[in-house]
Amino acid sequence: MSFFVGIQMRFLYAPRMEEFILKTIRERWRGHKAKLKEKYFDVNKSKEANCNNVPADVLPDQWIALINHWMSEKSKKISKQNKENCRKKKALHTAGTNSFARTREEMRQKDPAKNPHRAIVYIQTHKRKTGKNLNGHVDNLKKLVVEQPALADTSEGRTAWKGDALNQILGDDKPGHVHGLGLVPKPKQVLDVPNS
């Protein structure tokens, strides 16, 4: 990855951070393209009209490539599917720019004796500043944690496992993703594996 050479020359970081850096770059790049599409692309305009509406900070040939991509049948199909999936979402993340990982670390620092379970972090990141929950399933999660505390117990060094409180409320995680633990951890790294 040639762009990593530039990053390595400018920043000092541990090699284990490369996956996090890559995921963050991908996420930010996808978000940037989404903002460009929202602000400068009009699905009702012709290809030529959209191509002529080049943002000031984008090279014209790159903009044309984006327009071609957005107007392709494959992209339209993916966009339609993503909109449908977005409507099905159960949760609204309300922690602002704080990630699950950052929130979890802040909670751990407040009480170093406890390593917060992902269900507790999830509850924390899905409520308003007033403490009121926006999502009904968060109330169900709170109730489950109170009624069956073993489903969110971290005393054995685990913060996530199949069948824990969050898994019972949200169902199985997406492949390669673990709810409530941030960008990097993969299911095989944390599910049913004690933390060391």
N, C-alpha and C. Protein backbone atom coordinates (compact mmCIF):
# COMPACT_ATOMS: atom_id res chain seq x y z
N MET A 1 0.84 -1.18 0.00
CA MET A 1 0.00 0.00 0.00
C MET A 1 0.88 1.24 0.00
N SER A 2 0.96 1.86 -1.15
CA SER A 2 1.87 2.99 -1.32
C SER A 2 1.51 4.20 -0.46
N PHE A 3 0.20 4.44 -0.23
CA PHE A 3 -0.16 5.60 0.58
C PHE A 3 0.29 5.44 2.02
N PHE A 4 0.50 4.20 2.48
CA PHE A 4 0.95 3.97 3.85
C PHE A 4 2.37 4.47 4.06
N VAL A 5 3.16 4.49 2.99
CA VAL A 5 4.54 4.99 3.10
C VAL A 5 4.51 6.45 3.54
N GLY A 6 3.62 7.25 2.94
CA GLY A 6 3.47 8.65 3.32
C GLY A 6 3.04 8.82 4.76
N ILE A 7 2.13 7.96 5.20
CA ILE A 7 1.66 8.00 6.59
C ILE A 7 2.80 7.65 7.54
N GLN A 8 3.57 6.60 7.19
CA GLN A 8 4.68 6.17 8.03
C GLN A 8 5.76 7.23 8.13
N MET A 9 5.95 8.01 7.07
CA MET A 9 6.97 9.06 7.09
C MET A 9 6.55 10.24 7.97
N ARG A 10 5.25 10.46 8.11
CA ARG A 10 4.76 11.62 8.87
C ARG A 10 4.40 11.31 10.32
N PHE A 11 4.02 10.08 10.60
CA PHE A 11 3.51 9.75 11.92
C PHE A 11 4.24 8.55 12.52
N LEU A 12 4.36 8.57 13.82
CA LEU A 12 4.94 7.46 14.56
C LEU A 12 3.80 6.71 15.24
N TYR A 13 3.66 5.44 14.92
CA TYR A 13 2.60 4.63 15.51
C TYR A 13 3.04 3.18 15.56
N ALA A 14 2.41 2.43 16.44
CA ALA A 14 2.72 1.00 16.57
C ALA A 14 2.16 0.24 15.37
N PRO A 15 2.87 -0.76 14.88
CA PRO A 15 2.39 -1.54 13.73
C PRO A 15 0.99 -2.12 13.93
N ARG A 16 0.63 -2.43 15.19
CA ARG A 16 -0.70 -2.99 15.44
C ARG A 16 -1.82 -1.99 15.13
N MET A 17 -1.47 -0.70 14.98
CA MET A 17 -2.46 0.34 14.70
C MET A 17 -2.83 0.43 13.22
N GLU A 18 -2.10 -0.27 12.35
CA GLU A 18 -2.34 -0.14 10.91
C GLU A 18 -3.77 -0.52 10.52
N GLU A 19 -4.30 -1.58 11.09
CA GLU A 19 -5.67 -1.99 10.76
C GLU A 19 -6.67 -0.91 11.16
N PHE A 20 -6.49 -0.34 12.35
CA PHE A 20 -7.36 0.74 12.80
C PHE A 20 -7.25 1.95 11.87
N ILE A 21 -6.02 2.30 11.50
CA ILE A 21 -5.80 3.44 10.60
C ILE A 21 -6.49 3.20 9.26
N LEU A 22 -6.32 2.00 8.71
CA LEU A 22 -6.96 1.68 7.43
C LEU A 22 -8.47 1.75 7.51
N LYS A 23 -9.05 1.18 8.56
CA LYS A 23 -10.50 1.21 8.72
C LYS A 23 -10.99 2.64 8.89
N THR A 24 -10.26 3.44 9.62
CA THR A 24 -10.65 4.84 9.82
C THR A 24 -10.58 5.61 8.51
N ILE A 25 -9.51 5.40 7.75
CA ILE A 25 -9.39 6.08 6.45
C ILE A 25 -10.54 5.68 5.54
N ARG A 26 -10.84 4.37 5.49
CA ARG A 26 -11.96 3.90 4.66
C ARG A 26 -13.27 4.55 5.07
N GLU A 27 -13.50 4.61 6.38
CA GLU A 27 -14.73 5.20 6.90
C GLU A 27 -14.84 6.69 6.55
N ARG A 28 -13.74 7.42 6.74
CA ARG A 28 -13.74 8.86 6.45
C ARG A 28 -13.89 9.12 4.95
N TRP A 29 -13.23 8.29 4.13
CA TRP A 29 -13.31 8.46 2.67
C TRP A 29 -14.74 8.20 2.20
N ARG A 30 -15.37 7.15 2.71
CA ARG A 30 -16.76 6.85 2.36
C ARG A 30 -17.68 7.99 2.79
N GLY A 31 -17.44 8.53 3.98
CA GLY A 31 -18.23 9.66 4.47
C GLY A 31 -18.05 10.90 3.62
N HIS A 32 -16.81 11.14 3.19
CA HIS A 32 -16.52 12.31 2.33
C HIS A 32 -17.27 12.19 1.01
N LYS A 33 -17.23 11.00 0.40
CA LYS A 33 -17.95 10.81 -0.87
C LYS A 33 -19.45 10.97 -0.68
N ALA A 34 -19.97 10.51 0.45
CA ALA A 34 -21.40 10.65 0.73
C ALA A 34 -21.79 12.12 0.85
N LYS A 35 -20.93 12.92 1.49
CA LYS A 35 -21.20 14.36 1.60
C LYS A 35 -21.17 15.04 0.23
N LEU A 36 -20.20 14.64 -0.59
CA LEU A 36 -20.13 15.19 -1.95
C LEU A 36 -21.39 14.85 -2.73
N LYS A 37 -21.82 13.61 -2.62
CA LYS A 37 -23.02 13.17 -3.35
C LYS A 37 -24.24 13.95 -2.88
N GLU A 38 -24.36 14.13 -1.58
CA GLU A 38 -25.51 14.84 -1.03
C GLU A 38 -25.54 16.30 -1.48
N LYS A 39 -24.37 16.93 -1.52
CA LYS A 39 -24.31 18.36 -1.80
C LYS A 39 -24.26 18.70 -3.30
N TYR A 40 -23.59 17.88 -4.11
CA TYR A 40 -23.33 18.27 -5.49
C TYR A 40 -23.99 17.38 -6.55
N PHE A 41 -24.51 16.24 -6.18
CA PHE A 41 -25.08 15.32 -7.15
C PHE A 41 -26.59 15.36 -7.07
N ASP A 42 -27.25 15.50 -8.22
CA ASP A 42 -28.71 15.51 -8.28
C ASP A 42 -29.17 14.37 -9.17
N VAL A 43 -29.84 13.41 -8.59
CA VAL A 43 -30.28 12.23 -9.33
C VAL A 43 -31.24 12.60 -10.46
N ASN A 44 -31.91 13.74 -10.35
CA ASN A 44 -32.88 14.16 -11.37
C ASN A 44 -32.24 14.91 -12.53
N LYS A 45 -30.97 15.28 -12.39
CA LYS A 45 -30.27 16.00 -13.47
C LYS A 45 -29.58 15.01 -14.40
N SER A 46 -29.25 15.51 -15.58
CA SER A 46 -28.55 14.67 -16.56
C SER A 46 -27.12 14.42 -16.11
N LYS A 47 -26.51 13.44 -16.75
CA LYS A 47 -25.11 13.11 -16.46
C LYS A 47 -24.23 14.33 -16.74
N GLU A 48 -24.49 14.99 -17.85
CA GLU A 48 -23.68 16.16 -18.23
C GLU A 48 -23.81 17.29 -17.20
N ALA A 49 -25.04 17.55 -16.75
CA ALA A 49 -25.26 18.61 -15.76
C ALA A 49 -24.54 18.28 -14.45
N ASN A 50 -24.60 17.03 -14.03
CA ASN A 50 -23.90 16.62 -12.81
C ASN A 50 -22.39 16.71 -12.99
N CYS A 51 -21.89 16.32 -14.17
CA CYS A 51 -20.44 16.38 -14.43
C CYS A 51 -19.93 17.82 -14.40
N ASN A 52 -20.78 18.76 -14.77
CA ASN A 52 -20.38 20.18 -14.79
C ASN A 52 -20.44 20.83 -13.41
N ASN A 53 -21.02 20.16 -12.45
CA ASN A 53 -21.15 20.70 -11.09
C ASN A 53 -20.00 20.19 -10.21
N VAL A 54 -18.77 20.47 -10.64
CA VAL A 54 -17.58 19.95 -9.97
C VAL A 54 -17.29 20.75 -8.69
N PRO A 55 -17.18 20.07 -7.54
CA PRO A 55 -16.79 20.77 -6.31
C PRO A 55 -15.39 21.36 -6.45
N ALA A 56 -15.14 22.47 -5.78
CA ALA A 56 -13.86 23.18 -5.90
C ALA A 56 -12.67 22.33 -5.46
N ASP A 57 -12.86 21.45 -4.50
CA ASP A 57 -11.74 20.67 -3.96
C ASP A 57 -11.60 19.27 -4.58
N VAL A 58 -12.25 19.05 -5.72
CA VAL A 58 -12.19 17.75 -6.39
C VAL A 58 -11.69 17.94 -7.82
N LEU A 59 -10.78 17.07 -8.23
CA LEU A 59 -10.28 17.12 -9.61
C LEU A 59 -11.39 16.72 -10.57
N PRO A 60 -11.54 17.44 -11.69
CA PRO A 60 -12.63 17.15 -12.63
C PRO A 60 -12.70 15.69 -13.09
N ASP A 61 -11.55 15.07 -13.40
CA ASP A 61 -11.60 13.68 -13.87
C ASP A 61 -12.05 12.72 -12.76
N GLN A 62 -11.70 13.04 -11.51
CA GLN A 62 -12.16 12.22 -10.39
C GLN A 62 -13.67 12.40 -10.17
N TRP A 63 -14.14 13.63 -10.35
CA TRP A 63 -15.56 13.91 -10.20
C TRP A 63 -16.37 13.16 -11.26
N ILE A 64 -15.89 13.17 -12.49
CA ILE A 64 -16.58 12.46 -13.57
C ILE A 64 -16.63 10.96 -13.27
N ALA A 65 -15.54 10.43 -12.74
CA ALA A 65 -15.52 9.00 -12.37
C ALA A 65 -16.56 8.72 -11.28
N LEU A 66 -16.70 9.62 -10.31
CA LEU A 66 -17.72 9.46 -9.27
C LEU A 66 -19.12 9.51 -9.86
N ILE A 67 -19.37 10.47 -10.76
CA ILE A 67 -20.68 10.59 -11.41
C ILE A 67 -21.00 9.31 -12.17
N ASN A 68 -20.02 8.81 -12.93
CA ASN A 68 -20.23 7.56 -13.68
C ASN A 68 -20.57 6.42 -12.73
N HIS A 69 -19.88 6.38 -11.61
CA HIS A 69 -20.15 5.33 -10.62
C HIS A 69 -21.56 5.48 -10.05
N TRP A 70 -21.93 6.67 -9.60
CA TRP A 70 -23.24 6.89 -8.99
C TRP A 70 -24.39 6.66 -9.96
N MET A 71 -24.15 6.88 -11.25
CA MET A 71 -25.22 6.72 -12.24
C MET A 71 -25.27 5.31 -12.82
N SER A 72 -24.35 4.45 -12.43
CA SER A 72 -24.36 3.07 -12.93
C SER A 72 -25.52 2.29 -12.28
N GLU A 73 -26.01 1.31 -12.98
CA GLU A 73 -27.12 0.49 -12.47
C GLU A 73 -26.70 -0.25 -11.19
N LYS A 74 -25.47 -0.72 -11.17
CA LYS A 74 -24.97 -1.43 -9.99
C LYS A 74 -25.01 -0.53 -8.76
N SER A 75 -24.54 0.71 -8.91
CA SER A 75 -24.52 1.65 -7.80
C SER A 75 -25.94 2.03 -7.36
N LYS A 76 -26.84 2.21 -8.32
CA LYS A 76 -28.23 2.55 -7.99
C LYS A 76 -28.88 1.42 -7.20
N LYS A 77 -28.59 0.18 -7.59
CA LYS A 77 -29.14 -0.98 -6.89
C LYS A 77 -28.60 -1.04 -5.46
N ILE A 78 -27.31 -0.83 -5.29
CA ILE A 78 -26.69 -0.84 -3.96
C ILE A 78 -27.26 0.28 -3.10
N SER A 79 -27.42 1.47 -3.69
CA SER A 79 -27.97 2.62 -2.97
C SER A 79 -29.39 2.33 -2.48
N LYS A 80 -30.19 1.74 -3.34
CA LYS A 80 -31.57 1.40 -2.96
C LYS A 80 -31.58 0.41 -1.80
N GLN A 81 -30.72 -0.61 -1.89
CA GLN A 81 -30.64 -1.63 -0.83
C GLN A 81 -30.16 -1.00 0.49
N ASN A 82 -29.17 -0.11 0.41
CA ASN A 82 -28.66 0.55 1.61
C ASN A 82 -29.72 1.42 2.27
N LYS A 83 -30.54 2.10 1.47
CA LYS A 83 -31.62 2.92 2.03
C LYS A 83 -32.63 2.05 2.77
N GLU A 84 -32.96 0.90 2.17
CA GLU A 84 -33.89 -0.03 2.82
C GLU A 84 -33.30 -0.55 4.13
N ASN A 85 -32.03 -0.91 4.11
CA ASN A 85 -31.37 -1.41 5.32
C ASN A 85 -31.32 -0.34 6.40
N CYS A 86 -31.10 0.90 5.99
CA CYS A 86 -31.02 2.01 6.95
C CYS A 86 -32.36 2.19 7.67
N ARG A 87 -33.45 2.02 6.94
CA ARG A 87 -34.78 2.15 7.55
C ARG A 87 -35.03 1.05 8.59
N LYS A 88 -34.36 -0.09 8.44
CA LYS A 88 -34.56 -1.22 9.35
C LYS A 88 -33.72 -1.10 10.62
N LYS A 89 -32.82 -0.13 10.67
CA LYS A 89 -31.92 0.01 11.81
C LYS A 89 -32.70 0.15 13.11
N LYS A 90 -32.23 -0.54 14.12
CA LYS A 90 -32.86 -0.46 15.43
C LYS A 90 -32.35 0.74 16.22
N ALA A 91 -31.10 1.11 16.00
CA ALA A 91 -30.44 2.00 16.94
C ALA A 91 -29.95 3.30 16.32
N LEU A 92 -29.95 4.32 17.15
CA LEU A 92 -29.32 5.59 16.82
C LEU A 92 -28.17 5.78 17.79
N HIS A 93 -26.97 5.93 17.24
CA HIS A 93 -25.78 6.16 18.07
C HIS A 93 -25.85 7.61 18.55
N THR A 94 -25.82 7.82 19.85
CA THR A 94 -25.99 9.18 20.38
C THR A 94 -24.78 9.69 21.14
N ALA A 95 -23.64 9.04 20.98
CA ALA A 95 -22.44 9.46 21.71
C ALA A 95 -21.64 10.50 20.94
N GLY A 96 -22.19 11.01 19.86
CA GLY A 96 -21.47 12.02 19.08
C GLY A 96 -20.24 11.42 18.42
N THR A 97 -19.13 12.12 18.51
CA THR A 97 -17.91 11.65 17.86
C THR A 97 -17.16 10.62 18.69
N ASN A 98 -17.61 10.37 19.90
CA ASN A 98 -16.96 9.35 20.74
C ASN A 98 -17.26 7.96 20.21
N SER A 99 -16.23 7.18 20.01
CA SER A 99 -16.40 5.81 19.55
C SER A 99 -16.75 4.91 20.73
N PHE A 100 -17.17 3.69 20.42
CA PHE A 100 -17.41 2.70 21.48
C PHE A 100 -16.13 2.46 22.26
N ALA A 101 -15.02 2.36 21.55
CA ALA A 101 -13.73 2.08 22.21
C ALA A 101 -13.36 3.21 23.17
N ARG A 102 -13.54 4.45 22.74
CA ARG A 102 -13.21 5.58 23.61
C ARG A 102 -14.14 5.62 24.82
N THR A 103 -15.43 5.43 24.58
CA THR A 103 -16.40 5.44 25.69
C THR A 103 -16.07 4.34 26.69
N ARG A 104 -15.74 3.15 26.18
CA ARG A 104 -15.40 2.02 27.05
C ARG A 104 -14.17 2.34 27.89
N GLU A 105 -13.16 2.95 27.28
CA GLU A 105 -11.94 3.30 28.01
C GLU A 105 -12.23 4.37 29.07
N GLU A 106 -13.07 5.36 28.74
CA GLU A 106 -13.44 6.38 29.72
C GLU A 106 -14.17 5.75 30.91
N MET A 107 -15.05 4.80 30.61
CA MET A 107 -15.78 4.11 31.68
C MET A 107 -14.81 3.29 32.54
N ARG A 108 -13.84 2.64 31.91
CA ARG A 108 -12.86 1.83 32.63
C ARG A 108 -11.99 2.70 33.53
N GLN A 109 -11.63 3.89 33.05
CA GLN A 109 -10.79 4.79 33.85
C GLN A 109 -11.53 5.32 35.06
N LYS A 110 -12.84 5.51 34.95
CA LYS A 110 -13.62 5.97 36.10
C LYS A 110 -13.68 4.90 37.18
N ASP A 111 -13.66 3.64 36.77
CA ASP A 111 -13.70 2.53 37.71
C ASP A 111 -12.73 1.45 37.24
N PRO A 112 -11.41 1.61 37.55
CA PRO A 112 -10.39 0.69 37.05
C PRO A 112 -10.59 -0.77 37.45
N ALA A 113 -11.34 -1.01 38.52
CA ALA A 113 -11.57 -2.38 38.96
C ALA A 113 -12.52 -3.12 38.01
N LYS A 114 -13.26 -2.37 37.21
CA LYS A 114 -14.23 -2.99 36.31
C LYS A 114 -13.83 -2.76 34.86
N ASN A 115 -14.00 -3.78 34.06
CA ASN A 115 -13.81 -3.69 32.62
C ASN A 115 -15.21 -3.76 32.03
N PRO A 116 -15.80 -2.65 31.58
CA PRO A 116 -17.22 -2.66 31.22
C PRO A 116 -17.56 -3.62 30.07
N HIS A 117 -18.63 -4.35 30.26
CA HIS A 117 -19.13 -5.26 29.23
C HIS A 117 -19.67 -4.43 28.07
N ARG A 118 -19.66 -5.00 26.89
CA ARG A 118 -20.12 -4.26 25.71
C ARG A 118 -21.59 -3.85 25.82
N ALA A 119 -22.41 -4.59 26.57
CA ALA A 119 -23.81 -4.21 26.75
C ALA A 119 -23.91 -2.90 27.54
N ILE A 120 -23.05 -2.75 28.54
CA ILE A 120 -23.05 -1.53 29.35
C ILE A 120 -22.58 -0.34 28.51
N VAL A 121 -21.56 -0.56 27.68
CA VAL A 121 -21.07 0.49 26.78
C VAL A 121 -22.16 0.86 25.78
N TYR A 122 -22.84 -0.15 25.26
CA TYR A 122 -23.91 0.08 24.29
C TYR A 122 -25.02 0.94 24.90
N ILE A 123 -25.41 0.61 26.11
CA ILE A 123 -26.44 1.41 26.80
C ILE A 123 -25.97 2.85 26.95
N GLN A 124 -24.71 3.02 27.35
CA GLN A 124 -24.14 4.36 27.56
C GLN A 124 -24.13 5.18 26.26
N THR A 125 -23.86 4.53 25.13
CA THR A 125 -23.74 5.26 23.86
C THR A 125 -25.07 5.40 23.11
N HIS A 126 -26.15 4.92 23.72
CA HIS A 126 -27.44 5.00 23.05
C HIS A 126 -28.50 5.68 23.93
N LYS A 127 -28.07 6.75 24.57
CA LYS A 127 -29.02 7.53 25.36
C LYS A 127 -28.70 9.01 25.20
N ARG A 128 -29.69 9.82 25.45
CA ARG A 128 -29.48 11.27 25.39
C ARG A 128 -28.77 11.75 26.64
N LYS A 129 -28.34 13.01 26.60
CA LYS A 129 -27.66 13.58 27.77
C LYS A 129 -28.58 13.60 28.99
N THR A 130 -29.88 13.64 28.74
CA THR A 130 -30.85 13.63 29.83
C THR A 130 -30.96 12.26 30.48
N GLY A 131 -30.36 11.25 29.83
CA GLY A 131 -30.43 9.89 30.34
C GLY A 131 -31.56 9.08 29.73
N LYS A 132 -32.42 9.75 28.97
CA LYS A 132 -33.56 9.08 28.34
C LYS A 132 -33.09 8.30 27.12
N ASN A 133 -33.59 7.07 26.97
CA ASN A 133 -33.24 6.25 25.82
C ASN A 133 -34.06 6.65 24.61
N LEU A 134 -33.41 6.64 23.45
CA LEU A 134 -34.11 6.93 22.20
C LEU A 134 -34.67 5.66 21.58
N ASN A 135 -34.12 4.53 21.94
CA ASN A 135 -34.44 3.28 21.29
C ASN A 135 -35.05 2.30 22.28
N GLY A 136 -36.19 1.72 21.93
CA GLY A 136 -36.88 0.79 22.82
C GLY A 136 -36.06 -0.43 23.18
N HIS A 137 -35.25 -0.90 22.24
CA HIS A 137 -34.46 -2.11 22.52
C HIS A 137 -33.40 -1.85 23.60
N VAL A 138 -33.01 -0.58 23.79
CA VAL A 138 -32.04 -0.27 24.85
C VAL A 138 -32.70 -0.49 26.22
N ASP A 139 -33.99 -0.14 26.32
CA ASP A 139 -34.73 -0.42 27.56
C ASP A 139 -34.78 -1.93 27.81
N ASN A 140 -34.99 -2.70 26.75
CA ASN A 140 -35.00 -4.17 26.88
C ASN A 140 -33.63 -4.68 27.34
N LEU A 141 -32.57 -4.08 26.81
CA LEU A 141 -31.21 -4.47 27.19
C LEU A 141 -30.95 -4.16 28.67
N LYS A 142 -31.35 -2.95 29.10
CA LYS A 142 -31.18 -2.58 30.52
C LYS A 142 -31.90 -3.57 31.42
N LYS A 143 -33.13 -3.90 31.05
CA LYS A 143 -33.94 -4.83 31.84
C LYS A 143 -33.27 -6.20 31.90
N LEU A 144 -32.77 -6.67 30.77
CA LEU A 144 -32.10 -7.98 30.73
C LEU A 144 -30.85 -8.00 31.61
N VAL A 145 -30.07 -6.91 31.59
CA VAL A 145 -28.85 -6.83 32.40
C VAL A 145 -29.19 -6.83 33.89
N VAL A 146 -30.29 -6.17 34.26
CA VAL A 146 -30.72 -6.15 35.67
C VAL A 146 -31.24 -7.52 36.10
N GLU A 147 -32.06 -8.14 35.24
CA GLU A 147 -32.66 -9.43 35.58
C GLU A 147 -31.66 -10.59 35.54
N GLN A 148 -30.70 -10.51 34.61
CA GLN A 148 -29.72 -11.59 34.45
C GLN A 148 -28.31 -10.98 34.36
N PRO A 149 -27.77 -10.51 35.48
CA PRO A 149 -26.47 -9.83 35.46
C PRO A 149 -25.33 -10.69 34.91
N ALA A 150 -25.46 -12.00 34.98
CA ALA A 150 -24.40 -12.88 34.46
C ALA A 150 -24.20 -12.69 32.95
N LEU A 151 -25.21 -12.18 32.26
CA LEU A 151 -25.11 -11.97 30.81
C LEU A 151 -24.25 -10.76 30.45
N ALA A 152 -23.86 -9.98 31.46
CA ALA A 152 -22.97 -8.83 31.23
C ALA A 152 -21.86 -8.79 32.28
N ASP A 153 -21.52 -9.95 32.82
CA ASP A 153 -20.49 -10.05 33.86
C ASP A 153 -19.11 -10.18 33.23
N THR A 154 -18.20 -9.31 33.62
CA THR A 154 -16.84 -9.34 33.06
C THR A 154 -15.82 -9.89 34.06
N SER A 155 -16.28 -10.47 35.15
CA SER A 155 -15.34 -10.93 36.19
C SER A 155 -14.41 -12.04 35.70
N GLU A 156 -14.80 -12.77 34.65
CA GLU A 156 -13.94 -13.83 34.11
C GLU A 156 -13.04 -13.30 33.00
N GLY A 157 -13.03 -11.99 32.80
CA GLY A 157 -12.15 -11.39 31.81
C GLY A 157 -12.74 -11.30 30.41
N ARG A 158 -14.00 -11.66 30.26
CA ARG A 158 -14.63 -11.57 28.94
C ARG A 158 -15.49 -10.33 28.85
N THR A 159 -15.47 -9.66 27.70
CA THR A 159 -16.33 -8.50 27.50
C THR A 159 -17.37 -8.75 26.43
N ALA A 160 -17.30 -9.92 25.77
CA ALA A 160 -18.26 -10.28 24.74
C ALA A 160 -18.25 -11.78 24.55
N TRP A 161 -19.42 -12.37 24.34
CA TRP A 161 -19.52 -13.79 24.00
C TRP A 161 -20.86 -14.04 23.35
N LYS A 162 -20.92 -15.12 22.62
CA LYS A 162 -22.16 -15.50 21.96
C LYS A 162 -23.19 -15.84 23.04
N GLY A 163 -24.35 -15.19 22.96
CA GLY A 163 -25.39 -15.41 23.96
C GLY A 163 -25.36 -14.42 25.10
N ASP A 164 -24.43 -13.43 25.07
CA ASP A 164 -24.41 -12.42 26.13
C ASP A 164 -25.62 -11.48 25.96
N ALA A 165 -25.75 -10.52 26.85
CA ALA A 165 -26.92 -9.64 26.85
C ALA A 165 -27.11 -8.92 25.52
N LEU A 166 -26.06 -8.34 24.98
CA LEU A 166 -26.18 -7.59 23.73
C LEU A 166 -26.53 -8.51 22.57
N ASN A 167 -25.93 -9.68 22.54
CA ASN A 167 -26.22 -10.66 21.50
C ASN A 167 -27.69 -11.09 21.54
N GLN A 168 -28.24 -11.23 22.74
CA GLN A 168 -29.64 -11.64 22.86
C GLN A 168 -30.60 -10.56 22.38
N ILE A 169 -30.23 -9.29 22.55
CA ILE A 169 -31.11 -8.20 22.14
C ILE A 169 -30.94 -7.85 20.65
N LEU A 170 -29.70 -7.75 20.19
CA LEU A 170 -29.45 -7.34 18.80
C LEU A 170 -29.33 -8.50 17.83
N GLY A 171 -29.14 -9.70 18.33
CA GLY A 171 -28.92 -10.84 17.45
C GLY A 171 -27.44 -10.94 17.10
N ASP A 172 -27.14 -11.83 16.17
CA ASP A 172 -25.75 -12.06 15.80
C ASP A 172 -25.13 -10.82 15.16
N ASP A 173 -23.84 -10.64 15.41
CA ASP A 173 -23.10 -9.53 14.81
C ASP A 173 -22.90 -9.78 13.32
N LYS A 174 -22.67 -8.68 12.59
CA LYS A 174 -22.34 -8.81 11.17
C LYS A 174 -20.99 -9.53 11.07
N PRO A 175 -20.76 -10.24 9.99
CA PRO A 175 -19.45 -10.90 9.83
C PRO A 175 -18.30 -9.89 9.93
N GLY A 176 -17.31 -10.24 10.73
CA GLY A 176 -16.13 -9.38 10.88
C GLY A 176 -16.33 -8.19 11.79
N HIS A 177 -17.45 -8.14 12.53
CA HIS A 177 -17.76 -6.98 13.37
C HIS A 177 -18.29 -7.46 14.72
N VAL A 178 -17.94 -6.73 15.78
CA VAL A 178 -18.46 -7.03 17.11
C VAL A 178 -19.11 -5.76 17.65
N HIS A 179 -20.42 -5.80 17.91
CA HIS A 179 -21.12 -4.63 18.43
C HIS A 179 -20.50 -4.14 19.73
N GLY A 180 -20.34 -2.83 19.85
CA GLY A 180 -19.96 -2.22 21.11
C GLY A 180 -18.49 -2.27 21.48
N LEU A 181 -17.62 -2.69 20.55
CA LEU A 181 -16.19 -2.75 20.89
C LEU A 181 -15.32 -1.91 19.96
N GLY A 182 -15.90 -1.14 19.09
CA GLY A 182 -15.10 -0.29 18.21
C GLY A 182 -14.81 -0.93 16.86
N LEU A 183 -13.90 -0.30 16.12
CA LEU A 183 -13.63 -0.70 14.74
C LEU A 183 -12.82 -1.98 14.58
N VAL A 184 -11.83 -2.19 15.41
CA VAL A 184 -10.83 -3.20 15.12
C VAL A 184 -11.16 -4.63 15.56
N PRO A 185 -11.67 -4.87 16.76
CA PRO A 185 -11.83 -6.27 17.19
C PRO A 185 -12.70 -7.09 16.23
N LYS A 186 -12.25 -8.31 15.99
CA LYS A 186 -13.00 -9.24 15.15
C LYS A 186 -13.63 -10.28 16.06
N PRO A 187 -14.75 -10.88 15.62
CA PRO A 187 -15.43 -11.87 16.48
C PRO A 187 -14.51 -12.97 16.98
N LYS A 188 -13.65 -13.51 16.13
CA LYS A 188 -12.79 -14.61 16.57
C LYS A 188 -11.76 -14.16 17.61
N GLN A 189 -11.52 -12.84 17.70
CA GLN A 189 -10.56 -12.33 18.68
C GLN A 189 -11.18 -12.15 20.06
N VAL A 190 -12.50 -11.89 20.12
CA VAL A 190 -13.08 -11.54 21.42
C VAL A 190 -14.23 -12.42 21.88
N LEU A 191 -14.99 -13.01 20.98
CA LEU A 191 -16.13 -13.80 21.42
C LEU A 191 -15.65 -15.10 22.06
N ASP A 192 -16.06 -15.30 23.30
CA ASP A 192 -15.70 -16.49 24.08
C ASP A 192 -14.21 -16.62 24.36
N VAL A 193 -13.47 -15.52 24.27
CA VAL A 193 -12.03 -15.55 24.56
C VAL A 193 -11.77 -14.62 25.73
N PRO A 194 -11.22 -15.10 26.85
CA PRO A 194 -10.91 -14.22 27.98
C PRO A 194 -9.89 -13.16 27.59
N ASN A 195 -10.05 -11.95 28.13
CA ASN A 195 -9.07 -10.88 27.90
C ASN A 195 -7.84 -11.15 28.75
N SER A 196 -6.67 -10.85 28.20
CA SER A 196 -5.45 -11.06 29.00
C SER A 196 -4.91 -9.75 29.48
